[in-house]
Amino acid sequence: MNRLILTLLFLATSAYAAAQPETSDVVILGEVHDNPAHHATQAEWTARLAPAAIVFEMLTPDQAAQVTADNRGDPQTLGDALNWAASGWPDFELYHPIFTAAPEAAVYGAAVPRDAARAAYSDGVVGSFGEDASAYGLTDALPEAQMQARLAFQASAHCDALPEDLLPQMVELQRLRDAVLARTAVQALDDTGGPVVVITGNGHARTDWGMPVYIAAARPDVTVFALGQSEAGGIAGTFDQVVDAAPVAREDPCAAFAKD
């Protein structure tokens, strides 16, 4: 039985299910990226938890290093320092309150830079991640049932427009991003003593196959709580807690693939 399967079994135990945000080392706050209510909840939770560090999926380490005491309070100045407008993420006004909710917290970036993602896509995620790939479970094969579920999930997420032979690489890239988030959260915890808040999409926050799996593989001593945020009750995966919000009006992301 490989490390990943053992970790999945561990995450299913009642001890893990009893995790509480106020007593956990790492609290993962999921989101649908363009939902303002989700970001408001993240800011509220961050203010209440007063973390020593905040890890953002949206920032690379180089971007995180641009956050200073002088620019943190002003959304325009900080957004410019982060070059947020070129990032492809929703408007920075949605995210800025999270930075100021815990103004003394260290900021960490866990985004995989685009060139690194491209290299991982062609050369494999294990080499891209580095020497700790085994510790974080990246060298272990996924259970077959989970692999099939993840292939179907990636196909749906990409509007069933990707060739089937590309889907396994998309699954591996998702695993790489989960593991990088996990490693960054562990580093932030070791650096600051915690607690650590992680701001990320629901897909990375889910306890059945997201970043909690990779934290548990490498550091089973670290306690983790994962919040998922649904829209009108709809959410994929499992979480320690789910809070709901109304969906936002958005264009059909698959409209571009529709045939005339």
C-alpha atoms as a PDB file:
ATOM      1  CA  MET A   1       0.000   0.000   0.000  1.00  0.00           C
ATOM      2  CA  ASN A   2       1.617   3.276  -1.105  1.00  0.00           C
ATOM      3  CA  ARG A   3       1.993   6.475   0.908  1.00  0.00           C
ATOM      4  CA  LEU A   4      -0.868   8.213  -0.874  1.00  0.00           C
ATOM      5  CA  ILE A   5      -3.402   5.472  -0.097  1.00  0.00           C
ATOM      6  CA  LEU A   6      -2.308   5.403   3.541  1.00  0.00           C
ATOM      7  CA  THR A   7      -2.724   9.172   3.677  1.00  0.00           C
ATOM      8  CA  LEU A   8      -6.220   8.975   2.214  1.00  0.00           C
ATOM      9  CA  LEU A   9      -7.142   6.434   4.864  1.00  0.00           C
ATOM     10  CA  PHE A  10      -5.722   8.713   7.551  1.00  0.00           C
ATOM     11  CA  LEU A  11      -7.795  11.635   6.324  1.00  0.00           C
ATOM     12  CA  ALA A  12     -10.925   9.529   6.654  1.00  0.00           C
ATOM     13  CA  THR A  13     -10.462   8.934  10.383  1.00  0.00           C
ATOM     14  CA  SER A  14     -12.678  10.596  12.976  1.00  0.00           C
ATOM     15  CA  ALA A  15      -9.692  12.411  14.496  1.00  0.00           C
ATOM     16  CA  TYR A  16      -9.178  14.359  11.296  1.00  0.00           C
ATOM     17  CA  ALA A  17     -12.892  14.974  10.828  1.00  0.00           C
ATOM     18  CA  ALA A  18     -12.968  16.608  14.274  1.00  0.00           C
ATOM     19  CA  ALA A  19     -10.552  19.369  13.215  1.00  0.00           C
ATOM     20  CA  GLN A  20     -11.510  22.875  14.306  1.00  0.00           C
ATOM     21  CA  PRO A  21     -10.307  26.110  12.698  1.00  0.00           C
ATOM     22  CA  GLU A  22      -9.371  27.816  15.970  1.00  0.00           C
ATOM     23  CA  THR A  23      -7.016  25.015  16.994  1.00  0.00           C
ATOM     24  CA  SER A  24      -5.574  23.963  13.641  1.00  0.00           C
ATOM     25  CA  ASP A  25      -2.074  24.746  12.410  1.00  0.00           C
ATOM     26  CA  VAL A  26      -3.242  25.349   8.842  1.00  0.00           C
ATOM     27  CA  VAL A  27      -6.693  26.635   7.878  1.00  0.00           C
ATOM     28  CA  ILE A  28      -7.513  26.415   4.176  1.00  0.00           C
ATOM     29  CA  LEU A  29     -10.183  28.823   2.970  1.00  0.00           C
ATOM     30  CA  GLY A  30     -11.601  27.724  -0.363  1.00  0.00           C
ATOM     31  CA  GLU A  31     -13.380  29.905  -2.883  1.00  0.00           C
ATOM     32  CA  VAL A  32     -15.004  30.205  -6.259  1.00  0.00           C
ATOM     33  CA  HIS A  33     -12.591  32.763  -7.598  1.00  0.00           C
ATOM     34  CA  ASP A  34     -15.049  35.393  -8.850  1.00  0.00           C
ATOM     35  CA  ASN A  35     -17.583  35.230  -6.018  1.00  0.00           C
ATOM     36  CA  PRO A  36     -17.372  38.380  -3.828  1.00  0.00           C
ATOM     37  CA  ALA A  37     -19.214  36.706  -0.937  1.00  0.00           C
ATOM     38  CA  HIS A  38     -16.563  34.011  -0.769  1.00  0.00           C
ATOM     39  CA  HIS A  39     -13.816  36.606  -0.488  1.00  0.00           C
ATOM     40  CA  ALA A  40     -15.734  38.465   2.196  1.00  0.00           C
ATOM     41  CA  THR A  41     -15.944  35.215   4.171  1.00  0.00           C
ATOM     42  CA  GLN A  42     -12.210  34.651   3.720  1.00  0.00           C
ATOM     43  CA  ALA A  43     -11.472  38.133   5.052  1.00  0.00           C
ATOM     44  CA  GLU A  44     -13.788  37.595   8.029  1.00  0.00           C
ATOM     45  CA  TRP A  45     -12.223  34.263   8.908  1.00  0.00           C
ATOM     46  CA  THR A  46      -8.715  35.649   8.464  1.00  0.00           C
ATOM     47  CA  ALA A  47      -9.443  38.534  10.816  1.00  0.00           C
ATOM     48  CA  ARG A  48     -10.890  36.160  13.408  1.00  0.00           C
ATOM     49  CA  LEU A  49      -8.043  33.640  13.202  1.00  0.00           C
ATOM     50  CA  ALA A  50      -5.277  36.296  13.201  1.00  0.00           C
ATOM     51  CA  PRO A  51      -2.782  34.041  11.410  1.00  0.00           C
ATOM     52  CA  ALA A  52       0.958  34.505  11.545  1.00  0.00           C
ATOM     53  CA  ALA A  53       1.113  33.827   7.799  1.00  0.00           C
ATOM     54  CA  ILE A  54      -1.179  33.858   4.773  1.00  0.00           C
ATOM     55  CA  VAL A  55      -0.454  31.687   1.737  1.00  0.00           C
ATOM     56  CA  PHE A  56      -2.010  32.764  -1.562  1.00  0.00           C
ATOM     57  CA  GLU A  57      -2.540  30.417  -4.496  1.00  0.00           C
ATOM     58  CA  MET A  58      -2.675  33.554  -6.660  1.00  0.00           C
ATOM     59  CA  LEU A  59       0.856  34.786  -5.932  1.00  0.00           C
ATOM     60  CA  THR A  60       4.234  33.466  -6.958  1.00  0.00           C
ATOM     61  CA  PRO A  61       6.974  33.680  -4.320  1.00  0.00           C
ATOM     62  CA  ASP A  62       8.463  36.651  -6.193  1.00  0.00           C
ATOM     63  CA  GLN A  63       5.130  38.464  -6.108  1.00  0.00           C
ATOM     64  CA  ALA A  64       4.638  37.737  -2.411  1.00  0.00           C
ATOM     65  CA  ALA A  65       7.994  39.364  -1.712  1.00  0.00           C
ATOM     66  CA  GLN A  66       6.587  42.638  -3.086  1.00  0.00           C
ATOM     67  CA  VAL A  67       4.062  42.941  -0.229  1.00  0.00           C
ATOM     68  CA  THR A  68       5.352  45.487   2.295  1.00  0.00           C
ATOM     69  CA  ALA A  69       4.019  47.382   5.267  1.00  0.00           C
ATOM     70  CA  ASP A  70       4.063  50.530   3.125  1.00  0.00           C
ATOM     71  CA  ASN A  71       1.963  49.238   0.212  1.00  0.00           C
ATOM     72  CA  ARG A  72      -0.249  46.689   1.940  1.00  0.00           C
ATOM     73  CA  GLY A  73      -3.010  49.070   2.986  1.00  0.00           C
ATOM     74  CA  ASP A  74      -3.682  50.621  -0.412  1.00  0.00           C
ATOM     75  CA  PRO A  75      -5.330  48.383  -3.026  1.00  0.00           C
ATOM     76  CA  GLN A  76      -4.093  50.385  -6.021  1.00  0.00           C
ATOM     77  CA  THR A  77      -0.488  50.530  -4.838  1.00  0.00           C
ATOM     78  CA  LEU A  78      -0.386  46.895  -3.805  1.00  0.00           C
ATOM     79  CA  GLY A  79      -2.144  45.717  -6.949  1.00  0.00           C
ATOM     80  CA  ASP A  80       0.401  47.581  -9.054  1.00  0.00           C
ATOM     81  CA  ALA A  81       3.308  46.122  -7.061  1.00  0.00           C
ATOM     82  CA  LEU A  82       1.922  42.630  -7.658  1.00  0.00           C
ATOM     83  CA  ASN A  83       1.198  43.333 -11.342  1.00  0.00           C
ATOM     84  CA  TRP A  84      -2.186  41.834 -10.552  1.00  0.00           C
ATOM     85  CA  ALA A  85      -3.895  43.230 -13.644  1.00  0.00           C
ATOM     86  CA  ALA A  86      -1.756  40.957 -15.818  1.00  0.00           C
ATOM     87  CA  SER A  87      -2.300  37.866 -13.677  1.00  0.00           C
ATOM     88  CA  GLY A  88      -5.650  36.719 -15.062  1.00  0.00           C
ATOM     89  CA  TRP A  89      -7.243  36.576 -11.601  1.00  0.00           C
ATOM     90  CA  PRO A  90     -10.477  38.460 -10.810  1.00  0.00           C
ATOM     91  CA  ASP A  91     -10.366  42.101  -9.734  1.00  0.00           C
ATOM     92  CA  PHE A  92      -7.895  42.800  -6.942  1.00  0.00           C
ATOM     93  CA  GLU A  93     -10.583  44.668  -5.003  1.00  0.00           C
ATOM     94  CA  LEU A  94     -12.019  41.245  -4.143  1.00  0.00           C
ATOM     95  CA  TYR A  95      -8.754  40.033  -2.602  1.00  0.00           C
ATOM     96  CA  HIS A  96      -7.330  43.152  -0.990  1.00  0.00           C
ATOM     97  CA  PRO A  97      -9.425  42.925   2.237  1.00  0.00           C
ATOM     98  CA  ILE A  98      -7.750  39.592   2.979  1.00  0.00           C
ATOM     99  CA  PHE A  99      -4.327  41.268   3.024  1.00  0.00           C
ATOM    100  CA  THR A 100      -5.542  43.860   5.523  1.00  0.00           C
ATOM    101  CA  ALA A 101      -7.567  41.442   7.673  1.00  0.00           C
ATOM    102  CA  ALA A 102      -4.321  40.286   9.296  1.00  0.00           C
ATOM    103  CA  PRO A 103      -1.959  43.181   8.557  1.00  0.00           C
ATOM    104  CA  GLU A 104       1.002  41.722  10.462  1.00  0.00           C
ATOM    105  CA  ALA A 105       0.817  38.279   8.841  1.00  0.00           C
ATOM    106  CA  ALA A 106       3.691  37.228   6.603  1.00  0.00           C
ATOM    107  CA  VAL A 107       2.573  36.695   2.986  1.00  0.00           C
ATOM    108  CA  TYR A 108       3.653  33.640   0.998  1.00  0.00           C
ATOM    109  CA  GLY A 109       3.085  32.835  -2.650  1.00  0.00           C
ATOM    110  CA  ALA A 110       2.373  29.287  -3.781  1.00  0.00           C
ATOM    111  CA  ALA A 111       1.579  29.758  -7.468  1.00  0.00           C
ATOM    112  CA  VAL A 112       3.497  27.585  -9.913  1.00  0.00           C
ATOM    113  CA  PRO A 113       4.970  30.063 -12.413  1.00  0.00           C
ATOM    114  CA  ARG A 114       3.792  29.571 -15.987  1.00  0.00           C
ATOM    115  CA  ASP A 115       7.191  28.546 -17.317  1.00  0.00           C
ATOM    116  CA  ALA A 116       7.521  25.965 -14.527  1.00  0.00           C
ATOM    117  CA  ALA A 117       4.030  24.646 -15.294  1.00  0.00           C
ATOM    118  CA  ARG A 118       4.923  24.308 -18.977  1.00  0.00           C
ATOM    119  CA  ALA A 119       8.118  22.465 -18.082  1.00  0.00           C
ATOM    120  CA  ALA A 120       6.241  20.161 -15.723  1.00  0.00           C
ATOM    121  CA  TYR A 121       3.680  19.467 -18.420  1.00  0.00           C
ATOM    122  CA  SER A 122       6.358  18.184 -20.773  1.00  0.00           C
ATOM    123  CA  ASP A 123       8.965  16.803 -18.358  1.00  0.00           C
ATOM    124  CA  GLY A 124       6.860  15.557 -15.437  1.00  0.00           C
ATOM    125  CA  VAL A 125       5.807  16.965 -12.091  1.00  0.00           C
ATOM    126  CA  VAL A 126       8.212  14.987  -9.928  1.00  0.00           C
ATOM    127  CA  GLY A 127      11.288  16.677 -11.342  1.00  0.00           C
ATOM    128  CA  SER A 128       9.572  20.044 -11.276  1.00  0.00           C
ATOM    129  CA  PHE A 129       8.644  19.741  -7.610  1.00  0.00           C
ATOM    130  CA  GLY A 130      12.137  18.714  -6.503  1.00  0.00           C
ATOM    131  CA  GLU A 131      13.705  16.433  -3.942  1.00  0.00           C
ATOM    132  CA  ASP A 132      10.698  16.319  -1.603  1.00  0.00           C
ATOM    133  CA  ALA A 133       8.376  14.860  -4.255  1.00  0.00           C
ATOM    134  CA  SER A 134       8.352  11.448  -2.597  1.00  0.00           C
ATOM    135  CA  ALA A 135       7.668  12.851   0.869  1.00  0.00           C
ATOM    136  CA  TYR A 136       4.646  14.727  -0.470  1.00  0.00           C
ATOM    137  CA  GLY A 137       3.311  11.651  -2.263  1.00  0.00           C
ATOM    138  CA  LEU A 138       3.849  12.860  -5.828  1.00  0.00           C
ATOM    139  CA  THR A 139       5.752   9.728  -6.774  1.00  0.00           C
ATOM    140  CA  ASP A 140       2.818   7.510  -5.754  1.00  0.00           C
ATOM    141  CA  ALA A 141       0.209   6.488  -8.289  1.00  0.00           C
ATOM    142  CA  LEU A 142      -3.322   7.632  -7.601  1.00  0.00           C
ATOM    143  CA  PRO A 143      -5.894   4.972  -6.672  1.00  0.00           C
ATOM    144  CA  GLU A 144      -7.614   3.903  -9.897  1.00  0.00           C
ATOM    145  CA  ALA A 145     -11.074   5.067  -8.836  1.00  0.00           C
ATOM    146  CA  GLN A 146      -9.749   8.501  -7.929  1.00  0.00           C
ATOM    147  CA  MET A 147      -7.779   8.731 -11.167  1.00  0.00           C
ATOM    148  CA  GLN A 148     -10.885   8.042 -13.215  1.00  0.00           C
ATOM    149  CA  ALA A 149     -12.870  10.581 -11.203  1.00  0.00           C
ATOM    150  CA  ARG A 150     -10.156  13.174 -11.693  1.00  0.00           C
ATOM    151  CA  LEU A 151      -9.959  12.546 -15.429  1.00  0.00           C
ATOM    152  CA  ALA A 152     -13.714  13.071 -15.678  1.00  0.00           C
ATOM    153  CA  PHE A 153     -13.454  16.208 -13.550  1.00  0.00           C
ATOM    154  CA  GLN A 154     -10.736  17.682 -15.780  1.00  0.00           C
ATOM    155  CA  ALA A 155     -12.703  16.849 -18.901  1.00  0.00           C
ATOM    156  CA  SER A 156     -15.766  18.644 -17.533  1.00  0.00           C
ATOM    157  CA  ALA A 157     -13.718  21.593 -16.254  1.00  0.00           C
ATOM    158  CA  HIS A 158     -12.348  22.071 -19.760  1.00  0.00           C
ATOM    159  CA  CYS A 159     -15.797  21.826 -21.376  1.00  0.00           C
ATOM    160  CA  ASP A 160     -15.044  18.367 -22.801  1.00  0.00           C
ATOM    161  CA  ALA A 161     -12.906  20.178 -25.374  1.00  0.00           C
ATOM    162  CA  LEU A 162      -9.501  18.671 -24.561  1.00  0.00           C
ATOM    163  CA  PRO A 163      -8.174  15.583 -26.329  1.00  0.00           C
ATOM    164  CA  GLU A 164      -8.372  12.610 -23.979  1.00  0.00           C
ATOM    165  CA  ASP A 165      -4.617  12.029 -24.098  1.00  0.00           C
ATOM    166  CA  LEU A 166      -4.048  15.451 -22.489  1.00  0.00           C
ATOM    167  CA  LEU A 167      -6.234  14.794 -19.469  1.00  0.00           C
ATOM    168  CA  PRO A 168      -3.678  12.759 -17.460  1.00  0.00           C
ATOM    169  CA  GLN A 169      -1.214  15.651 -17.721  1.00  0.00           C
ATOM    170  CA  MET A 170      -3.887  18.033 -16.455  1.00  0.00           C
ATOM    171  CA  VAL A 171      -4.438  15.765 -13.454  1.00  0.00           C
ATOM    172  CA  GLU A 172      -0.698  15.727 -12.779  1.00  0.00           C
ATOM    173  CA  LEU A 173      -0.484  19.520 -12.987  1.00  0.00           C
ATOM    174  CA  GLN A 174      -3.306  19.775 -10.475  1.00  0.00           C
ATOM    175  CA  ARG A 175      -1.406  17.437  -8.175  1.00  0.00           C
ATOM    176  CA  LEU A 176       1.707  19.579  -8.585  1.00  0.00           C
ATOM    177  CA  ARG A 177      -0.204  22.708  -7.586  1.00  0.00           C
ATOM    178  CA  ASP A 178      -1.716  20.900  -4.588  1.00  0.00           C
ATOM    179  CA  ALA A 179       1.715  19.747  -3.453  1.00  0.00           C
ATOM    180  CA  VAL A 180       3.297  23.184  -3.916  1.00  0.00           C
ATOM    181  CA  LEU A 181       0.492  24.734  -1.863  1.00  0.00           C
ATOM    182  CA  ALA A 182       1.048  22.095   0.807  1.00  0.00           C
ATOM    183  CA  ARG A 183       4.808  22.618   0.898  1.00  0.00           C
ATOM    184  CA  THR A 184       4.424  26.395   1.070  1.00  0.00           C
ATOM    185  CA  ALA A 185       1.929  26.129   3.931  1.00  0.00           C
ATOM    186  CA  VAL A 186       4.296  23.834   5.838  1.00  0.00           C
ATOM    187  CA  GLN A 187       7.189  26.233   5.221  1.00  0.00           C
ATOM    188  CA  ALA A 188       5.094  29.164   6.437  1.00  0.00           C
ATOM    189  CA  LEU A 189       4.178  27.190   9.560  1.00  0.00           C
ATOM    190  CA  ASP A 190       7.795  26.298  10.261  1.00  0.00           C
ATOM    191  CA  ASP A 191       8.947  29.883   9.661  1.00  0.00           C
ATOM    192  CA  THR A 192       6.328  31.630  11.783  1.00  0.00           C
ATOM    193  CA  GLY A 193       4.992  29.049  14.212  1.00  0.00           C
ATOM    194  CA  GLY A 194       1.506  29.485  12.774  1.00  0.00           C
ATOM    195  CA  PRO A 195      -1.335  29.473  12.477  1.00  0.00           C
ATOM    196  CA  VAL A 196      -1.354  29.680   8.692  1.00  0.00           C
ATOM    197  CA  VAL A 197      -4.303  30.628   6.500  1.00  0.00           C
ATOM    198  CA  VAL A 198      -4.334  29.468   2.879  1.00  0.00           C
ATOM    199  CA  ILE A 199      -6.379  31.309   0.243  1.00  0.00           C
ATOM    200  CA  THR A 200      -7.154  29.011  -2.664  1.00  0.00           C
ATOM    201  CA  GLY A 201      -9.815  27.582  -4.905  1.00  0.00           C
ATOM    202  CA  ASN A 202     -12.171  24.913  -3.634  1.00  0.00           C
ATOM    203  CA  GLY A 203     -10.481  22.297  -5.796  1.00  0.00           C
ATOM    204  CA  HIS A 204      -7.225  22.652  -3.894  1.00  0.00           C
ATOM    205  CA  ALA A 205      -8.952  22.883  -0.500  1.00  0.00           C
ATOM    206  CA  ARG A 206     -10.923  19.628  -0.708  1.00  0.00           C
ATOM    207  CA  THR A 207      -9.874  17.029   1.838  1.00  0.00           C
ATOM    208  CA  ASP A 208     -10.378  13.978  -0.379  1.00  0.00           C
ATOM    209  CA  TRP A 209      -7.713  14.837  -2.948  1.00  0.00           C
ATOM    210  CA  GLY A 210      -6.532  18.440  -2.515  1.00  0.00           C
ATOM    211  CA  MET A 211      -3.646  19.960  -0.594  1.00  0.00           C
ATOM    212  CA  PRO A 212      -4.644  18.441   2.799  1.00  0.00           C
ATOM    213  CA  VAL A 213      -3.654  15.030   1.386  1.00  0.00           C
ATOM    214  CA  TYR A 214      -0.155  16.291   0.597  1.00  0.00           C
ATOM    215  CA  ILE A 215       0.319  18.006   3.944  1.00  0.00           C
ATOM    216  CA  ALA A 216      -0.707  14.792   5.714  1.00  0.00           C
ATOM    217  CA  ALA A 217       1.718  12.735   3.607  1.00  0.00           C
ATOM    218  CA  ALA A 218       4.720  14.911   4.414  1.00  0.00           C
ATOM    219  CA  ARG A 219       3.813  16.205   7.878  1.00  0.00           C
ATOM    220  CA  PRO A 220       1.180  14.115   9.656  1.00  0.00           C
ATOM    221  CA  ASP A 221       1.882  16.145  12.798  1.00  0.00           C
ATOM    222  CA  VAL A 222       0.328  19.256  11.218  1.00  0.00           C
ATOM    223  CA  THR A 223      -3.363  19.782  11.937  1.00  0.00           C
ATOM    224  CA  VAL A 224      -5.442  21.058   9.013  1.00  0.00           C
ATOM    225  CA  PHE A 225      -8.935  22.486   8.671  1.00  0.00           C
ATOM    226  CA  ALA A 226     -10.484  22.995   5.229  1.00  0.00           C
ATOM    227  CA  LEU A 227     -13.398  25.298   4.476  1.00  0.00           C
ATOM    228  CA  GLY A 228     -15.261  24.889   1.199  1.00  0.00           C
ATOM    229  CA  GLN A 229     -17.505  27.621  -0.181  1.00  0.00           C
ATOM    230  CA  SER A 230     -20.416  26.533  -2.323  1.00  0.00           C
ATOM    231  CA  GLU A 231     -22.799  28.375  -4.598  1.00  0.00           C
ATOM    232  CA  ALA A 232     -26.487  27.544  -4.112  1.00  0.00           C
ATOM    233  CA  GLY A 233     -25.405  24.310  -2.427  1.00  0.00           C
ATOM    234  CA  GLY A 234     -23.245  23.119  -5.310  1.00  0.00           C
ATOM    235  CA  ILE A 235     -19.675  22.036  -4.579  1.00  0.00           C
ATOM    236  CA  ALA A 236     -17.466  19.092  -5.503  1.00  0.00           C
ATOM    237  CA  GLY A 237     -15.401  17.200  -2.947  1.00  0.00           C
ATOM    238  CA  THR A 238     -15.304  16.907   0.833  1.00  0.00           C
ATOM    239  CA  PHE A 239     -14.387  19.551   3.412  1.00  0.00           C
ATOM    240  CA  ASP A 240     -14.391  19.979   7.175  1.00  0.00           C
ATOM    241  CA  GLN A 241     -17.047  22.654   6.778  1.00  0.00           C
ATOM    242  CA  VAL A 242     -18.971  24.184   3.885  1.00  0.00           C
ATOM    243  CA  VAL A 243     -20.590  27.609   3.845  1.00  0.00           C
ATOM    244  CA  ASP A 244     -22.935  28.662   1.082  1.00  0.00           C
ATOM    245  CA  ALA A 245     -23.454  31.817  -0.948  1.00  0.00           C
ATOM    246  CA  ALA A 246     -25.564  32.824  -3.909  1.00  0.00           C
ATOM    247  CA  PRO A 247     -23.946  32.267  -7.302  1.00  0.00           C
ATOM    248  CA  VAL A 248     -22.757  35.281  -9.247  1.00  0.00           C
ATOM    249  CA  ALA A 249     -23.877  36.088 -12.786  1.00  0.00           C
ATOM    250  CA  ARG A 250     -21.202  34.953 -15.202  1.00  0.00           C
ATOM    251  CA  GLU A 251     -20.910  34.045 -18.839  1.00  0.00           C
ATOM    252  CA  ASP A 252     -20.980  30.399 -19.822  1.00  0.00           C
ATOM    253  CA  PRO A 253     -17.280  29.401 -19.792  1.00  0.00           C
ATOM    254  CA  CYS A 254     -17.966  26.782 -22.438  1.00  0.00           C
ATOM    255  CA  ALA A 255     -19.653  29.162 -24.879  1.00  0.00           C
ATOM    256  CA  ALA A 256     -16.375  29.687 -26.743  1.00  0.00           C
ATOM    257  CA  PHE A 257     -16.286  25.985 -27.572  1.00  0.00           C
ATOM    258  CA  ALA A 258     -19.841  25.883 -28.934  1.00  0.00           C
ATOM    259  CA  LYS A 259     -20.090  25.024 -32.617  1.00  0.00           C
ATOM    260  CA  ASP A 260     -21.976  27.301 -34.993  1.00  0.00           C
END
